[in-house]
N, C-alpha and C. Protein backbone atom coordinates (compact mmCIF):
# COMPACT_ATOMS: atom_id res chain seq x y z
N UNK A 1 0.56 7.40 39.63
CA UNK A 1 1.65 7.14 38.70
C UNK A 1 1.31 7.80 37.37
N UNK A 2 2.22 8.56 36.83
CA UNK A 2 2.00 9.27 35.57
C UNK A 2 2.13 8.31 34.40
N UNK A 3 1.26 8.56 33.42
CA UNK A 3 1.32 7.74 32.20
C UNK A 3 2.49 8.19 31.33
N UNK A 4 3.20 7.23 30.73
CA UNK A 4 4.32 7.57 29.85
C UNK A 4 3.79 8.13 28.53
N UNK A 5 4.45 9.14 28.03
CA UNK A 5 4.07 9.73 26.76
C UNK A 5 4.38 8.75 25.64
N UNK A 6 3.56 8.79 24.59
CA UNK A 6 3.84 7.94 23.43
C UNK A 6 5.16 8.30 22.77
N UNK A 7 5.63 9.50 23.00
CA UNK A 7 6.86 9.97 22.34
C UNK A 7 8.09 9.79 23.23
N UNK A 8 7.94 9.24 24.42
CA UNK A 8 9.05 9.01 25.33
C UNK A 8 9.85 7.83 24.81
N UNK A 9 11.04 8.09 24.29
CA UNK A 9 11.85 7.05 23.65
C UNK A 9 12.36 6.01 24.66
N UNK A 10 12.33 6.33 25.93
CA UNK A 10 12.80 5.36 26.92
C UNK A 10 11.77 4.27 27.19
N UNK A 11 10.54 4.49 26.74
CA UNK A 11 9.46 3.52 26.91
C UNK A 11 9.16 2.87 25.56
N UNK A 12 8.60 1.69 25.61
CA UNK A 12 8.20 1.02 24.37
C UNK A 12 6.94 1.68 23.84
N UNK A 13 7.00 2.12 22.60
CA UNK A 13 5.84 2.76 21.98
C UNK A 13 4.98 1.72 21.28
N UNK A 14 3.68 1.96 21.18
CA UNK A 14 2.81 1.01 20.48
C UNK A 14 3.13 0.99 18.99
N UNK A 15 2.95 -0.15 18.39
CA UNK A 15 3.14 -0.30 16.94
C UNK A 15 2.04 0.50 16.24
N UNK A 16 2.38 1.32 15.20
CA UNK A 16 1.35 2.07 14.50
C UNK A 16 0.31 1.15 13.88
N UNK A 17 -0.93 1.47 14.08
CA UNK A 17 -2.02 0.66 13.54
C UNK A 17 -2.54 1.30 12.26
N UNK A 18 -2.85 0.49 11.23
CA UNK A 18 -3.34 1.03 9.97
C UNK A 18 -4.64 1.82 10.11
N UNK A 19 -5.35 1.69 11.23
CA UNK A 19 -6.61 2.41 11.40
C UNK A 19 -6.40 3.88 11.71
N UNK A 20 -5.18 4.27 12.08
CA UNK A 20 -4.89 5.67 12.36
C UNK A 20 -4.23 6.29 11.14
N UNK A 21 -4.27 7.61 11.05
CA UNK A 21 -3.62 8.30 9.93
C UNK A 21 -2.13 8.00 9.93
N UNK A 22 -1.50 8.06 11.11
CA UNK A 22 -0.08 7.76 11.21
C UNK A 22 0.21 6.33 10.81
N UNK A 23 -0.65 5.40 11.23
CA UNK A 23 -0.47 3.99 10.90
C UNK A 23 -0.57 3.74 9.41
N UNK A 24 -1.53 4.40 8.76
CA UNK A 24 -1.67 4.25 7.30
C UNK A 24 -0.45 4.79 6.59
N UNK A 25 0.05 5.93 7.03
CA UNK A 25 1.24 6.52 6.41
C UNK A 25 2.46 5.64 6.61
N UNK A 26 2.62 5.11 7.81
CA UNK A 26 3.77 4.23 8.10
C UNK A 26 3.69 2.95 7.27
N UNK A 27 2.49 2.42 7.12
CA UNK A 27 2.30 1.21 6.33
C UNK A 27 2.61 1.49 4.85
N UNK A 28 2.15 2.61 4.33
CA UNK A 28 2.41 2.97 2.94
C UNK A 28 3.90 3.15 2.70
N UNK A 29 4.58 3.80 3.63
CA UNK A 29 6.03 4.00 3.50
C UNK A 29 6.75 2.66 3.49
N UNK A 30 6.33 1.73 4.34
CA UNK A 30 6.94 0.40 4.40
C UNK A 30 6.78 -0.32 3.06
N UNK A 31 5.62 -0.18 2.42
CA UNK A 31 5.37 -0.84 1.13
C UNK A 31 6.23 -0.23 0.03
N UNK A 32 6.23 1.10 -0.09
CA UNK A 32 6.90 1.74 -1.24
C UNK A 32 8.42 1.74 -1.13
N UNK A 33 8.98 1.55 0.06
CA UNK A 33 10.43 1.54 0.20
C UNK A 33 11.01 0.12 0.12
N UNK A 34 10.16 -0.86 -0.07
CA UNK A 34 10.60 -2.25 -0.12
C UNK A 34 11.03 -2.70 -1.50
N UNK A 35 11.22 -4.00 -1.65
CA UNK A 35 11.66 -4.56 -2.94
C UNK A 35 10.58 -4.46 -4.01
N UNK A 36 10.99 -4.66 -5.25
CA UNK A 36 10.08 -4.61 -6.40
C UNK A 36 9.88 -6.02 -6.96
N UNK A 37 8.77 -6.21 -7.66
CA UNK A 37 8.52 -7.49 -8.33
C UNK A 37 9.14 -7.47 -9.72
N UNK A 38 9.23 -8.64 -10.35
CA UNK A 38 9.74 -8.69 -11.72
C UNK A 38 8.63 -8.33 -12.70
N UNK A 39 8.98 -8.20 -13.96
CA UNK A 39 8.03 -7.78 -14.99
C UNK A 39 6.87 -8.77 -15.16
N UNK A 40 7.13 -10.06 -14.99
CA UNK A 40 6.08 -11.07 -15.12
C UNK A 40 5.03 -10.91 -14.02
N UNK A 41 5.48 -10.74 -12.78
CA UNK A 41 4.55 -10.55 -11.66
C UNK A 41 3.78 -9.23 -11.83
N UNK A 42 4.47 -8.18 -12.29
CA UNK A 42 3.80 -6.90 -12.54
C UNK A 42 2.69 -7.08 -13.58
N UNK A 43 2.98 -7.81 -14.66
CA UNK A 43 2.00 -8.03 -15.71
C UNK A 43 0.78 -8.80 -15.20
N UNK A 44 1.01 -9.81 -14.36
CA UNK A 44 -0.11 -10.57 -13.79
C UNK A 44 -0.97 -9.68 -12.90
N UNK A 45 -0.33 -8.87 -12.09
CA UNK A 45 -1.07 -7.95 -11.22
C UNK A 45 -1.88 -6.95 -12.05
N UNK A 46 -1.28 -6.43 -13.10
CA UNK A 46 -1.96 -5.45 -13.95
C UNK A 46 -3.18 -6.08 -14.62
N UNK A 47 -3.05 -7.34 -15.07
CA UNK A 47 -4.19 -8.06 -15.66
C UNK A 47 -5.34 -8.16 -14.66
N UNK A 48 -5.01 -8.52 -13.43
CA UNK A 48 -6.02 -8.66 -12.37
C UNK A 48 -6.70 -7.32 -12.13
N UNK A 49 -5.93 -6.27 -12.02
CA UNK A 49 -6.49 -4.94 -11.75
C UNK A 49 -7.32 -4.42 -12.92
N UNK A 50 -6.87 -4.67 -14.14
CA UNK A 50 -7.62 -4.20 -15.31
C UNK A 50 -8.98 -4.89 -15.42
N UNK A 51 -9.09 -6.11 -14.91
CA UNK A 51 -10.35 -6.84 -14.95
C UNK A 51 -11.27 -6.51 -13.76
N UNK A 52 -10.76 -5.77 -12.79
CA UNK A 52 -11.52 -5.46 -11.58
C UNK A 52 -12.55 -4.37 -11.83
N UNK A 53 -13.79 -4.57 -11.38
CA UNK A 53 -14.82 -3.55 -11.56
C UNK A 53 -14.60 -2.30 -10.71
N UNK A 54 -13.72 -2.37 -9.71
CA UNK A 54 -13.47 -1.22 -8.85
C UNK A 54 -12.33 -0.33 -9.36
N UNK A 55 -11.69 -0.72 -10.46
CA UNK A 55 -10.61 0.10 -11.02
C UNK A 55 -11.19 1.44 -11.46
N UNK A 56 -10.49 2.52 -11.11
CA UNK A 56 -10.89 3.87 -11.48
C UNK A 56 -9.89 4.44 -12.47
N UNK A 57 -10.37 5.26 -13.39
CA UNK A 57 -9.50 5.94 -14.35
C UNK A 57 -9.76 7.44 -14.25
N UNK A 58 -8.69 8.20 -14.03
CA UNK A 58 -8.78 9.65 -13.95
C UNK A 58 -7.72 10.24 -14.85
N UNK A 59 -8.14 11.04 -15.82
CA UNK A 59 -7.21 11.66 -16.77
C UNK A 59 -6.33 10.63 -17.47
N UNK A 60 -6.90 9.48 -17.79
CA UNK A 60 -6.17 8.43 -18.50
C UNK A 60 -5.25 7.60 -17.65
N UNK A 61 -5.27 7.79 -16.33
CA UNK A 61 -4.40 7.05 -15.41
C UNK A 61 -5.27 6.15 -14.54
N UNK A 62 -4.85 4.89 -14.36
CA UNK A 62 -5.62 3.91 -13.58
C UNK A 62 -5.24 3.93 -12.11
N UNK A 63 -6.26 3.80 -11.26
CA UNK A 63 -6.09 3.75 -9.81
C UNK A 63 -6.97 2.63 -9.24
N UNK A 64 -6.61 2.15 -8.06
CA UNK A 64 -7.46 1.20 -7.35
C UNK A 64 -8.59 1.97 -6.68
N UNK A 65 -9.80 1.52 -6.86
CA UNK A 65 -10.94 2.18 -6.25
C UNK A 65 -11.24 1.70 -4.85
N UNK A 66 -10.51 0.71 -4.36
CA UNK A 66 -10.77 0.13 -3.05
C UNK A 66 -9.73 0.50 -1.99
N UNK A 67 -8.48 0.67 -2.39
CA UNK A 67 -7.40 0.79 -1.41
C UNK A 67 -7.43 2.07 -0.60
N UNK A 68 -7.97 3.14 -1.16
CA UNK A 68 -8.04 4.39 -0.42
C UNK A 68 -6.90 5.36 -0.67
N UNK A 69 -5.94 4.99 -1.51
CA UNK A 69 -4.86 5.92 -1.85
C UNK A 69 -5.44 7.10 -2.65
N UNK A 70 -4.97 8.27 -2.36
CA UNK A 70 -5.43 9.45 -3.08
C UNK A 70 -4.85 9.53 -4.47
N UNK A 71 -5.63 9.99 -5.42
CA UNK A 71 -5.15 10.11 -6.80
C UNK A 71 -4.11 11.22 -6.94
N UNK A 72 -3.93 12.04 -5.93
CA UNK A 72 -2.93 13.10 -5.96
C UNK A 72 -1.52 12.54 -5.78
N UNK A 73 -1.41 11.33 -5.23
CA UNK A 73 -0.10 10.74 -4.92
C UNK A 73 0.38 9.90 -6.10
N UNK A 74 1.54 10.23 -6.64
CA UNK A 74 2.07 9.52 -7.82
C UNK A 74 2.18 8.01 -7.58
N UNK A 75 2.54 7.62 -6.38
CA UNK A 75 2.73 6.20 -6.06
C UNK A 75 1.40 5.44 -6.01
N UNK A 76 0.27 6.13 -6.07
CA UNK A 76 -1.04 5.47 -6.05
C UNK A 76 -1.45 4.98 -7.44
N UNK A 77 -0.77 5.44 -8.47
CA UNK A 77 -1.08 5.00 -9.83
C UNK A 77 -0.78 3.51 -9.96
N UNK A 78 -1.66 2.77 -10.63
CA UNK A 78 -1.42 1.33 -10.77
C UNK A 78 -0.11 1.02 -11.48
N UNK A 79 0.26 1.85 -12.46
CA UNK A 79 1.52 1.59 -13.17
C UNK A 79 2.74 1.85 -12.28
N UNK A 80 2.55 2.43 -11.12
CA UNK A 80 3.62 2.63 -10.14
C UNK A 80 3.51 1.59 -9.02
N UNK A 81 2.33 1.52 -8.40
CA UNK A 81 2.20 0.74 -7.16
C UNK A 81 2.27 -0.77 -7.37
N UNK A 82 1.92 -1.26 -8.55
CA UNK A 82 1.94 -2.71 -8.76
C UNK A 82 3.34 -3.29 -8.80
N UNK A 83 4.36 -2.44 -8.87
CA UNK A 83 5.75 -2.91 -8.82
C UNK A 83 6.19 -3.26 -7.40
N UNK A 84 5.47 -2.79 -6.37
CA UNK A 84 5.90 -2.99 -4.98
C UNK A 84 5.58 -4.40 -4.51
N UNK A 85 6.64 -5.16 -4.16
CA UNK A 85 6.47 -6.56 -3.76
C UNK A 85 5.64 -6.71 -2.49
N UNK A 86 5.67 -5.73 -1.61
CA UNK A 86 4.94 -5.82 -0.34
C UNK A 86 3.46 -5.48 -0.48
N UNK A 87 3.05 -5.05 -1.65
CA UNK A 87 1.66 -4.65 -1.89
C UNK A 87 0.75 -5.86 -1.93
N UNK A 88 -0.38 -5.76 -1.24
CA UNK A 88 -1.42 -6.79 -1.28
C UNK A 88 -2.68 -6.15 -1.85
N UNK A 89 -3.43 -6.90 -2.64
CA UNK A 89 -4.70 -6.41 -3.14
C UNK A 89 -5.68 -6.29 -1.96
N UNK A 90 -6.35 -5.15 -1.81
CA UNK A 90 -7.30 -5.02 -0.70
C UNK A 90 -8.51 -5.94 -0.82
N UNK A 91 -8.73 -6.52 -2.00
CA UNK A 91 -9.81 -7.48 -2.19
C UNK A 91 -9.34 -8.92 -2.13
N UNK A 92 -8.03 -9.12 -1.89
CA UNK A 92 -7.47 -10.46 -1.76
C UNK A 92 -7.22 -11.15 -3.10
N UNK A 93 -7.16 -10.40 -4.20
CA UNK A 93 -6.95 -11.02 -5.52
C UNK A 93 -5.50 -11.38 -5.77
N UNK A 94 -4.56 -10.74 -5.06
CA UNK A 94 -3.15 -11.17 -5.08
C UNK A 94 -2.52 -10.77 -3.75
N UNK A 95 -1.48 -11.53 -3.37
CA UNK A 95 -0.77 -11.30 -2.11
C UNK A 95 0.55 -10.61 -2.35
N UNK A 96 1.19 -10.21 -1.25
CA UNK A 96 2.53 -9.67 -1.32
C UNK A 96 3.47 -10.79 -1.79
N UNK A 97 4.53 -10.41 -2.45
CA UNK A 97 5.49 -11.40 -2.96
C UNK A 97 6.72 -11.46 -2.04
N UNK A 98 7.36 -12.59 -2.02
CA UNK A 98 8.59 -12.74 -1.25
C UNK A 98 8.38 -12.91 0.23
N UNK A 99 7.22 -13.37 0.65
CA UNK A 99 6.96 -13.62 2.05
C UNK A 99 6.79 -12.37 2.89
N UNK A 100 6.56 -11.24 2.24
CA UNK A 100 6.42 -9.97 2.98
C UNK A 100 5.07 -9.88 3.64
């Protein structure tokens, strides 16, 4: 019996796993296309990140040193990514908002 291709739309495909490159990209897209938090939640998240010893600064822009997002991607900047309600701190310092 021949194995079904992962790209065969007539078969159920496996859910992308974050451990694969495709899974990480799919997960990132899901986060950035979702709802945004309010200014109060953004401020709380920014306070947490500013106090974190893993925060990185490159050319005056802050990035998370743990999450693995590349500094080349505009959405990886803390002043951008902390607005995403589906975002969770990789160190568990804050969770996604709105039950996401």
